[in-house]
Amino acid sequence: MLKAVIIDGSAVARGLLNTVLMDGGYDVVGQAHTCAAGTALLIKFSPQIVCINRDQVEQDTACVDAM
């Protein structure tokens, strides 16, 4: 099963995407509301799939560059 991490500032969007991914057979190993928290999850779990809100990228480009 592929591991996935969700990074989105909206709890509703994270919840919906979590449901879609889990129903699709993916293992959602973590969710984060900030880019910094998401980076920690990426280091901890090394997921094959990362779902990140484009607004997060535009708001925090320095953190995304670190990924």
C-alpha atoms as a PDB file:
ATOM      1  CA  MET A   1       0.000   0.000   0.000  1.00  0.00           C
ATOM      2  CA  LEU A   2       1.344   3.420  -0.940  1.00  0.00           C
ATOM      3  CA  LYS A   3       1.879   5.946   1.861  1.00  0.00           C
ATOM      4  CA  ALA A   4       0.505   9.474   1.475  1.00  0.00           C
ATOM      5  CA  VAL A   5       0.865  12.775   3.348  1.00  0.00           C
ATOM      6  CA  ILE A   6      -1.634  15.630   3.051  1.00  0.00           C
ATOM      7  CA  ILE A   7      -0.550  19.265   3.544  1.00  0.00           C
ATOM      8  CA  ASP A   8      -3.377  21.799   3.468  1.00  0.00           C
ATOM      9  CA  GLY A   9      -4.392  24.743   5.626  1.00  0.00           C
ATOM     10  CA  SER A  10      -8.067  23.763   5.478  1.00  0.00           C
ATOM     11  CA  ALA A  11      -9.193  21.042   7.873  1.00  0.00           C
ATOM     12  CA  VAL A  12     -12.224  20.366   5.673  1.00  0.00           C
ATOM     13  CA  ALA A  13     -10.090  19.856   2.576  1.00  0.00           C
ATOM     14  CA  ARG A  14      -7.686  17.595   4.487  1.00  0.00           C
ATOM     15  CA  GLY A  15     -10.596  15.524   5.742  1.00  0.00           C
ATOM     16  CA  LEU A  16     -12.163  15.134   2.310  1.00  0.00           C
ATOM     17  CA  LEU A  17      -8.881  14.231   0.659  1.00  0.00           C
ATOM     18  CA  ASN A  18      -8.104  11.806   3.482  1.00  0.00           C
ATOM     19  CA  THR A  19     -11.405  10.022   2.842  1.00  0.00           C
ATOM     20  CA  VAL A  20     -10.847   9.861  -0.918  1.00  0.00           C
ATOM     21  CA  LEU A  21      -7.315   8.504  -0.554  1.00  0.00           C
ATOM     22  CA  MET A  22      -8.228   5.927   2.089  1.00  0.00           C
ATOM     23  CA  ASP A  23     -11.237   4.762   0.058  1.00  0.00           C
ATOM     24  CA  GLY A  24      -8.850   4.416  -2.890  1.00  0.00           C
ATOM     25  CA  GLY A  25      -6.616   2.064  -0.922  1.00  0.00           C
ATOM     26  CA  TYR A  26      -3.867   4.494   0.083  1.00  0.00           C
ATOM     27  CA  ASP A  27      -2.371   4.639   3.571  1.00  0.00           C
ATOM     28  CA  VAL A  28      -2.588   8.265   4.762  1.00  0.00           C
ATOM     29  CA  VAL A  29       0.233   8.355   7.298  1.00  0.00           C
ATOM     30  CA  GLY A  30      -0.053  12.028   8.204  1.00  0.00           C
ATOM     31  CA  GLN A  31      -1.783  15.353   7.739  1.00  0.00           C
ATOM     32  CA  ALA A  32      -0.407  18.835   8.336  1.00  0.00           C
ATOM     33  CA  HIS A  33      -1.800  22.359   8.225  1.00  0.00           C
ATOM     34  CA  THR A  34       1.540  24.115   7.653  1.00  0.00           C
ATOM     35  CA  CYS A  35       4.450  23.503   5.356  1.00  0.00           C
ATOM     36  CA  ALA A  36       6.844  23.158   8.293  1.00  0.00           C
ATOM     37  CA  ALA A  37       4.705  20.460   9.914  1.00  0.00           C
ATOM     38  CA  GLY A  38       4.390  18.764   6.531  1.00  0.00           C
ATOM     39  CA  THR A  39       8.158  18.707   6.110  1.00  0.00           C
ATOM     40  CA  ALA A  40       8.476  16.907   9.445  1.00  0.00           C
ATOM     41  CA  LEU A  41       5.969  14.291   8.259  1.00  0.00           C
ATOM     42  CA  LEU A  42       7.887  13.824   5.003  1.00  0.00           C
ATOM     43  CA  ILE A  43      11.097  13.180   6.921  1.00  0.00           C
ATOM     44  CA  LYS A  44       9.401  10.834   9.380  1.00  0.00           C
ATOM     45  CA  PHE A  45       7.355   8.708   6.947  1.00  0.00           C
ATOM     46  CA  SER A  46       9.033   9.037   3.499  1.00  0.00           C
ATOM     47  CA  PRO A  47       5.696   8.794   1.665  1.00  0.00           C
ATOM     48  CA  GLN A  48       5.363   7.932  -2.005  1.00  0.00           C
ATOM     49  CA  ILE A  49       2.556  10.485  -2.464  1.00  0.00           C
ATOM     50  CA  VAL A  50       2.420  14.071  -1.188  1.00  0.00           C
ATOM     51  CA  CYS A  51      -0.777  16.087  -1.636  1.00  0.00           C
ATOM     52  CA  ILE A  52      -0.059  19.747  -1.022  1.00  0.00           C
ATOM     53  CA  ASN A  53      -2.394  22.684  -1.527  1.00  0.00           C
ATOM     54  CA  ARG A  54      -1.042  25.052  -4.150  1.00  0.00           C
ATOM     55  CA  ASP A  55      -1.813  28.006  -1.868  1.00  0.00           C
ATOM     56  CA  GLN A  56       0.540  26.495   0.731  1.00  0.00           C
ATOM     57  CA  VAL A  57       3.320  26.503  -1.861  1.00  0.00           C
ATOM     58  CA  GLU A  58       2.666  30.122  -2.826  1.00  0.00           C
ATOM     59  CA  GLN A  59       2.499  31.277   0.816  1.00  0.00           C
ATOM     60  CA  ASP A  60       5.635  29.498   2.024  1.00  0.00           C
ATOM     61  CA  THR A  61       8.040  29.009  -0.882  1.00  0.00           C
ATOM     62  CA  ALA A  62      11.104  28.817   1.374  1.00  0.00           C
ATOM     63  CA  CYS A  63       9.711  25.823   3.209  1.00  0.00           C
ATOM     64  CA  VAL A  64       8.708  24.076  -0.025  1.00  0.00           C
ATOM     65  CA  ASP A  65      12.226  24.587  -1.370  1.00  0.00           C
ATOM     66  CA  ALA A  66      13.508  22.717   1.691  1.00  0.00           C
ATOM     67  CA  MET A  67      11.370  19.727   0.775  1.00  0.00           C
END
